[in-house]
């Protein structure tokens, strides 16, 4: 079973940037599409971005043009570069792999992103 560990969150001012990382255990990382999700206080977890095994990407409208997802299969890691951050980006960010009936793996601990002046 793949285990996921997110990192890189923190407190940043509006307009700032952060780069999140998601490290996955196991040797088959390259065969999985990977998503980033986020969960704001009192709200459901929602999709943010996806990168496929062929490095095709997709984004939620709310982050398009500001966030960039990438992956390094040699390091079993997926990244989320977040620029022009807004207070509404404040949330706990998680990664996972999409499956036919929902995310394939257990959730990691997430990484908190707080955008505030």
N, C-alpha and C. Protein backbone atom coordinates (compact mmCIF):
# COMPACT_ATOMS: atom_id res chain seq x y z
N UNK A 1 0.84 -1.19 0.00
CA UNK A 1 0.00 0.00 0.00
C UNK A 1 0.88 1.25 0.00
N UNK A 2 0.56 2.18 -0.89
CA UNK A 2 1.32 3.42 -0.97
C UNK A 2 0.95 4.31 0.21
N UNK A 3 1.95 4.92 0.82
CA UNK A 3 1.73 5.90 1.87
C UNK A 3 2.17 7.27 1.36
N UNK A 4 1.42 8.29 1.74
CA UNK A 4 1.63 9.63 1.24
C UNK A 4 1.99 10.58 2.38
N UNK A 5 2.93 11.49 2.11
CA UNK A 5 3.33 12.46 3.12
C UNK A 5 3.49 13.82 2.46
N UNK A 6 2.62 14.74 2.86
CA UNK A 6 2.64 16.10 2.30
C UNK A 6 3.50 17.01 3.17
N UNK A 7 4.13 18.00 2.55
CA UNK A 7 4.94 18.96 3.28
C UNK A 7 5.04 20.26 2.49
N UNK A 8 5.57 21.28 3.14
CA UNK A 8 5.83 22.54 2.45
C UNK A 8 4.86 23.66 2.75
N UNK A 9 3.84 23.38 3.53
CA UNK A 9 2.88 24.42 3.87
C UNK A 9 3.46 25.44 4.83
N UNK A 10 2.66 26.47 5.10
CA UNK A 10 3.10 27.50 6.03
C UNK A 10 2.21 28.72 5.96
N UNK A 11 2.67 29.77 6.61
CA UNK A 11 1.95 31.05 6.62
C UNK A 11 2.60 31.98 5.59
N UNK A 12 1.79 32.54 4.72
CA UNK A 12 2.30 33.41 3.67
C UNK A 12 1.35 34.57 3.48
N UNK A 13 1.88 35.69 3.09
CA UNK A 13 1.05 36.87 2.85
C UNK A 13 0.34 36.76 1.50
N UNK A 14 -0.77 37.43 1.35
CA UNK A 14 -1.44 37.44 0.03
C UNK A 14 -0.47 37.90 -1.05
N UNK A 15 -0.53 37.20 -2.18
CA UNK A 15 0.39 37.48 -3.28
C UNK A 15 1.66 36.67 -3.22
N UNK A 16 1.89 35.98 -2.13
CA UNK A 16 3.09 35.19 -1.97
C UNK A 16 3.01 33.83 -2.65
N UNK A 17 4.07 33.04 -2.45
CA UNK A 17 4.19 31.74 -3.10
C UNK A 17 4.60 30.68 -2.09
N UNK A 18 4.21 29.46 -2.38
CA UNK A 18 4.65 28.28 -1.64
C UNK A 18 4.79 27.13 -2.62
N UNK A 19 5.65 26.18 -2.27
CA UNK A 19 5.77 24.96 -3.06
C UNK A 19 5.52 23.77 -2.15
N UNK A 20 4.47 23.05 -2.44
CA UNK A 20 4.13 21.86 -1.66
C UNK A 20 4.75 20.62 -2.31
N UNK A 21 5.06 19.65 -1.45
CA UNK A 21 5.57 18.37 -1.91
C UNK A 21 4.73 17.24 -1.36
N UNK A 22 4.61 16.18 -2.12
CA UNK A 22 3.92 14.97 -1.68
C UNK A 22 4.84 13.80 -2.02
N UNK A 23 5.37 13.18 -0.98
CA UNK A 23 6.25 12.04 -1.17
C UNK A 23 5.47 10.75 -0.99
N UNK A 24 5.66 9.83 -1.92
CA UNK A 24 4.94 8.56 -1.89
C UNK A 24 5.91 7.41 -1.68
N UNK A 25 5.52 6.48 -0.82
CA UNK A 25 6.33 5.28 -0.63
C UNK A 25 6.07 4.31 -1.77
N UNK A 26 6.92 3.30 -1.91
CA UNK A 26 6.68 2.28 -2.91
C UNK A 26 7.44 2.54 -4.19
N UNK A 27 7.49 1.53 -5.05
CA UNK A 27 8.31 1.61 -6.25
C UNK A 27 7.50 1.77 -7.52
N UNK A 28 6.18 1.87 -7.40
CA UNK A 28 5.33 1.92 -8.58
C UNK A 28 4.70 3.30 -8.77
N UNK A 29 5.28 4.34 -8.21
CA UNK A 29 4.70 5.68 -8.22
C UNK A 29 4.39 6.14 -9.63
N UNK A 30 5.25 5.81 -10.57
CA UNK A 30 5.11 6.31 -11.93
C UNK A 30 3.88 5.83 -12.67
N UNK A 31 3.21 4.82 -12.16
CA UNK A 31 2.05 4.29 -12.88
C UNK A 31 0.75 4.96 -12.46
N UNK A 32 0.84 5.88 -11.49
CA UNK A 32 -0.37 6.50 -10.95
C UNK A 32 -0.53 7.95 -11.41
N UNK A 33 -1.74 8.30 -11.85
CA UNK A 33 -2.09 9.70 -11.90
C UNK A 33 -2.14 10.23 -10.47
N UNK A 34 -1.83 11.51 -10.29
CA UNK A 34 -1.81 12.08 -8.95
C UNK A 34 -2.59 13.39 -8.90
N UNK A 35 -3.31 13.57 -7.82
CA UNK A 35 -4.11 14.77 -7.59
C UNK A 35 -3.66 15.51 -6.34
N UNK A 36 -3.87 16.80 -6.34
CA UNK A 36 -3.85 17.59 -5.12
C UNK A 36 -5.30 17.98 -4.80
N UNK A 37 -5.61 17.95 -3.50
CA UNK A 37 -6.90 18.37 -2.99
C UNK A 37 -6.66 19.38 -1.87
N UNK A 38 -7.71 20.07 -1.48
CA UNK A 38 -7.61 20.93 -0.30
C UNK A 38 -8.93 20.94 0.46
N UNK A 39 -8.80 21.17 1.75
CA UNK A 39 -9.98 21.22 2.61
C UNK A 39 -9.88 22.45 3.50
N UNK A 40 -10.78 23.39 3.28
CA UNK A 40 -10.84 24.59 4.10
C UNK A 40 -11.67 24.28 5.35
N UNK A 41 -11.49 25.07 6.40
CA UNK A 41 -12.23 24.83 7.65
C UNK A 41 -13.73 24.81 7.41
N UNK A 42 -14.38 23.75 7.88
CA UNK A 42 -15.82 23.64 7.76
C UNK A 42 -16.34 23.28 6.39
N UNK A 43 -15.43 22.96 5.48
CA UNK A 43 -15.84 22.63 4.10
C UNK A 43 -15.34 21.26 3.70
N UNK A 44 -15.91 20.75 2.62
CA UNK A 44 -15.48 19.46 2.12
C UNK A 44 -14.15 19.57 1.40
N UNK A 45 -13.47 18.45 1.32
CA UNK A 45 -12.23 18.38 0.55
C UNK A 45 -12.57 18.47 -0.94
N UNK A 46 -11.82 19.29 -1.67
CA UNK A 46 -12.11 19.51 -3.08
C UNK A 46 -10.86 19.33 -3.93
N UNK A 47 -11.08 19.03 -5.18
CA UNK A 47 -10.00 18.84 -6.15
C UNK A 47 -9.32 20.17 -6.45
N UNK A 48 -7.99 20.12 -6.59
CA UNK A 48 -7.22 21.31 -6.94
C UNK A 48 -6.51 21.13 -8.29
N UNK A 49 -5.80 20.02 -8.44
CA UNK A 49 -5.00 19.82 -9.65
C UNK A 49 -4.70 18.35 -9.86
N UNK A 50 -4.44 17.99 -11.10
CA UNK A 50 -4.10 16.61 -11.46
C UNK A 50 -2.93 16.60 -12.43
N UNK A 51 -2.09 15.57 -12.27
CA UNK A 51 -1.05 15.29 -13.26
C UNK A 51 -1.12 13.80 -13.58
N UNK A 52 -1.17 13.49 -14.86
CA UNK A 52 -1.29 12.10 -15.28
C UNK A 52 0.09 11.45 -15.39
N UNK A 53 0.08 10.16 -15.69
CA UNK A 53 1.35 9.45 -15.86
C UNK A 53 2.12 10.00 -17.05
N UNK A 54 1.42 10.60 -18.00
CA UNK A 54 2.10 11.20 -19.16
C UNK A 54 2.31 12.70 -19.00
N UNK A 55 2.16 13.18 -17.76
CA UNK A 55 2.44 14.56 -17.38
C UNK A 55 1.43 15.56 -17.95
N UNK A 56 0.26 15.08 -18.35
CA UNK A 56 -0.81 16.01 -18.69
C UNK A 56 -1.39 16.56 -17.40
N UNK A 57 -1.81 17.81 -17.41
CA UNK A 57 -2.27 18.46 -16.19
C UNK A 57 -3.68 19.03 -16.35
N UNK A 58 -4.34 19.17 -15.23
CA UNK A 58 -5.67 19.79 -15.18
C UNK A 58 -5.79 20.51 -13.86
N UNK A 59 -6.60 21.60 -13.85
CA UNK A 59 -6.70 22.43 -12.66
C UNK A 59 -8.15 22.83 -12.39
N UNK A 60 -8.44 23.03 -11.13
CA UNK A 60 -9.71 23.65 -10.77
C UNK A 60 -9.69 25.09 -11.27
N UNK A 61 -10.84 25.60 -11.65
CA UNK A 61 -10.91 26.97 -12.17
C UNK A 61 -10.36 27.99 -11.17
N UNK A 62 -10.54 27.72 -9.90
CA UNK A 62 -10.14 28.68 -8.87
C UNK A 62 -8.63 28.86 -8.77
N UNK A 63 -7.85 27.92 -9.32
CA UNK A 63 -6.39 28.01 -9.19
C UNK A 63 -5.70 28.10 -10.55
N UNK A 64 -6.46 27.98 -11.61
CA UNK A 64 -5.88 27.97 -12.95
C UNK A 64 -5.10 29.26 -13.20
N UNK A 65 -3.89 29.11 -13.71
CA UNK A 65 -3.04 30.26 -13.98
C UNK A 65 -2.18 30.69 -12.80
N UNK A 66 -2.48 30.17 -11.61
CA UNK A 66 -1.70 30.52 -10.41
C UNK A 66 -0.93 29.32 -9.86
N UNK A 67 -1.49 28.13 -9.98
CA UNK A 67 -0.86 26.92 -9.44
C UNK A 67 -0.32 26.07 -10.59
N UNK A 68 0.77 25.36 -10.30
CA UNK A 68 1.36 24.44 -11.27
C UNK A 68 1.68 23.13 -10.59
N UNK A 69 1.17 22.04 -11.13
CA UNK A 69 1.47 20.71 -10.61
C UNK A 69 2.56 20.08 -11.45
N UNK A 70 3.45 19.35 -10.80
CA UNK A 70 4.52 18.65 -11.51
C UNK A 70 4.86 17.39 -10.73
N UNK A 71 5.67 16.54 -11.32
CA UNK A 71 6.06 15.31 -10.65
C UNK A 71 7.48 14.94 -11.02
N UNK A 72 8.11 14.22 -10.10
CA UNK A 72 9.44 13.66 -10.32
C UNK A 72 9.34 12.18 -9.95
N UNK A 73 9.17 11.34 -10.96
CA UNK A 73 8.96 9.92 -10.68
C UNK A 73 10.19 9.26 -10.06
N UNK A 74 11.37 9.77 -10.38
CA UNK A 74 12.59 9.20 -9.80
C UNK A 74 12.63 9.41 -8.29
N UNK A 75 11.96 10.47 -7.82
CA UNK A 75 11.93 10.78 -6.39
C UNK A 75 10.59 10.44 -5.76
N UNK A 76 9.70 9.80 -6.52
CA UNK A 76 8.36 9.44 -6.00
C UNK A 76 7.65 10.64 -5.39
N UNK A 77 7.73 11.77 -6.05
CA UNK A 77 7.22 13.01 -5.47
C UNK A 77 6.40 13.78 -6.49
N UNK A 78 5.31 14.37 -6.00
CA UNK A 78 4.52 15.30 -6.80
C UNK A 78 4.55 16.65 -6.10
N UNK A 79 4.59 17.71 -6.88
CA UNK A 79 4.73 19.05 -6.35
C UNK A 79 3.52 19.91 -6.72
N UNK A 80 3.32 20.95 -5.93
CA UNK A 80 2.32 21.96 -6.28
C UNK A 80 2.94 23.33 -6.02
N UNK A 81 3.28 24.02 -7.09
CA UNK A 81 3.80 25.38 -6.98
C UNK A 81 2.61 26.33 -6.96
N UNK A 82 2.51 27.11 -5.90
CA UNK A 82 1.37 28.00 -5.71
C UNK A 82 1.87 29.43 -5.71
N UNK A 83 1.43 30.20 -6.67
CA UNK A 83 1.80 31.61 -6.79
C UNK A 83 0.56 32.50 -6.63
N UNK A 84 0.80 33.76 -6.41
CA UNK A 84 -0.29 34.74 -6.27
C UNK A 84 -1.36 34.25 -5.30
N UNK A 85 -0.91 33.79 -4.16
CA UNK A 85 -1.83 33.19 -3.20
C UNK A 85 -2.82 34.20 -2.65
N UNK A 86 -4.03 33.71 -2.39
CA UNK A 86 -5.13 34.52 -1.89
C UNK A 86 -5.61 33.97 -0.55
N UNK A 87 -6.23 34.77 0.27
CA UNK A 87 -6.76 34.25 1.54
C UNK A 87 -7.67 33.05 1.35
N UNK A 88 -8.40 33.00 0.27
CA UNK A 88 -9.31 31.87 0.04
C UNK A 88 -8.57 30.58 -0.33
N UNK A 89 -7.27 30.64 -0.51
CA UNK A 89 -6.47 29.43 -0.72
C UNK A 89 -6.12 28.75 0.62
N UNK A 90 -6.44 29.40 1.71
CA UNK A 90 -6.17 28.83 3.03
C UNK A 90 -6.91 27.51 3.20
N UNK A 91 -6.17 26.46 3.50
CA UNK A 91 -6.74 25.12 3.62
C UNK A 91 -5.63 24.15 4.00
N UNK A 92 -6.04 22.94 4.34
CA UNK A 92 -5.10 21.83 4.45
C UNK A 92 -5.05 21.16 3.08
N UNK A 93 -3.85 20.96 2.57
CA UNK A 93 -3.65 20.40 1.24
C UNK A 93 -3.21 18.95 1.34
N UNK A 94 -3.82 18.12 0.51
CA UNK A 94 -3.55 16.69 0.49
C UNK A 94 -3.27 16.24 -0.95
N UNK A 95 -2.56 15.12 -1.06
CA UNK A 95 -2.41 14.49 -2.38
C UNK A 95 -3.00 13.08 -2.30
N UNK A 96 -3.33 12.55 -3.47
CA UNK A 96 -3.80 11.18 -3.56
C UNK A 96 -3.86 10.82 -5.03
N UNK A 97 -4.16 9.57 -5.32
CA UNK A 97 -4.28 9.11 -6.69
C UNK A 97 -5.74 8.82 -6.99
N UNK A 98 -6.27 9.34 -8.06
CA UNK A 98 -7.69 9.12 -8.38
C UNK A 98 -7.94 7.69 -8.82
N UNK A 99 -9.03 7.12 -8.32
CA UNK A 99 -9.44 5.79 -8.74
C UNK A 99 -10.86 5.84 -9.26
N UNK A 100 -11.35 4.71 -9.75
CA UNK A 100 -12.70 4.67 -10.32
C UNK A 100 -13.78 4.97 -9.29
N UNK A 101 -13.51 4.63 -8.04
CA UNK A 101 -14.52 4.86 -7.00
C UNK A 101 -13.99 5.77 -5.91
N UNK A 102 -13.09 6.65 -6.26
CA UNK A 102 -12.56 7.58 -5.28
C UNK A 102 -11.05 7.43 -5.14
N UNK A 103 -10.44 8.23 -4.28
CA UNK A 103 -8.99 8.16 -4.10
C UNK A 103 -8.53 6.75 -3.74
N UNK A 104 -7.37 6.37 -4.28
CA UNK A 104 -6.93 4.99 -4.17
C UNK A 104 -6.26 4.67 -2.85
N UNK A 105 -5.62 5.67 -2.25
CA UNK A 105 -4.79 5.39 -1.09
C UNK A 105 -5.35 6.07 0.16
N UNK A 106 -4.83 5.64 1.31
CA UNK A 106 -5.18 6.33 2.54
C UNK A 106 -4.65 7.76 2.52
N UNK A 107 -5.33 8.65 3.21
CA UNK A 107 -4.92 10.04 3.22
C UNK A 107 -3.71 10.26 4.14
N UNK A 108 -2.82 11.11 3.70
CA UNK A 108 -1.73 11.55 4.56
C UNK A 108 -2.22 12.56 5.58
N UNK A 109 -1.28 13.16 6.28
CA UNK A 109 -1.65 14.12 7.32
C UNK A 109 -1.99 15.49 6.74
N UNK A 110 -1.65 15.70 5.49
CA UNK A 110 -1.90 17.00 4.87
C UNK A 110 -0.88 18.03 5.32
N UNK A 111 -0.88 19.17 4.66
CA UNK A 111 -0.01 20.27 5.03
C UNK A 111 -0.83 21.56 5.02
N UNK A 112 -0.73 22.32 6.10
CA UNK A 112 -1.56 23.51 6.27
C UNK A 112 -0.96 24.68 5.51
N UNK A 113 -1.80 25.33 4.73
CA UNK A 113 -1.44 26.57 4.05
C UNK A 113 -2.35 27.67 4.57
N UNK A 114 -1.75 28.72 5.08
CA UNK A 114 -2.51 29.86 5.59
C UNK A 114 -2.05 31.11 4.87
N UNK A 115 -2.97 31.79 4.23
CA UNK A 115 -2.67 33.01 3.49
C UNK A 115 -3.33 34.17 4.23
N UNK A 116 -2.51 34.98 4.84
CA UNK A 116 -3.03 36.06 5.67
C UNK A 116 -2.00 37.16 5.82
N UNK A 117 -2.47 38.38 5.93
CA UNK A 117 -1.57 39.49 6.18
C UNK A 117 -1.46 39.77 7.69
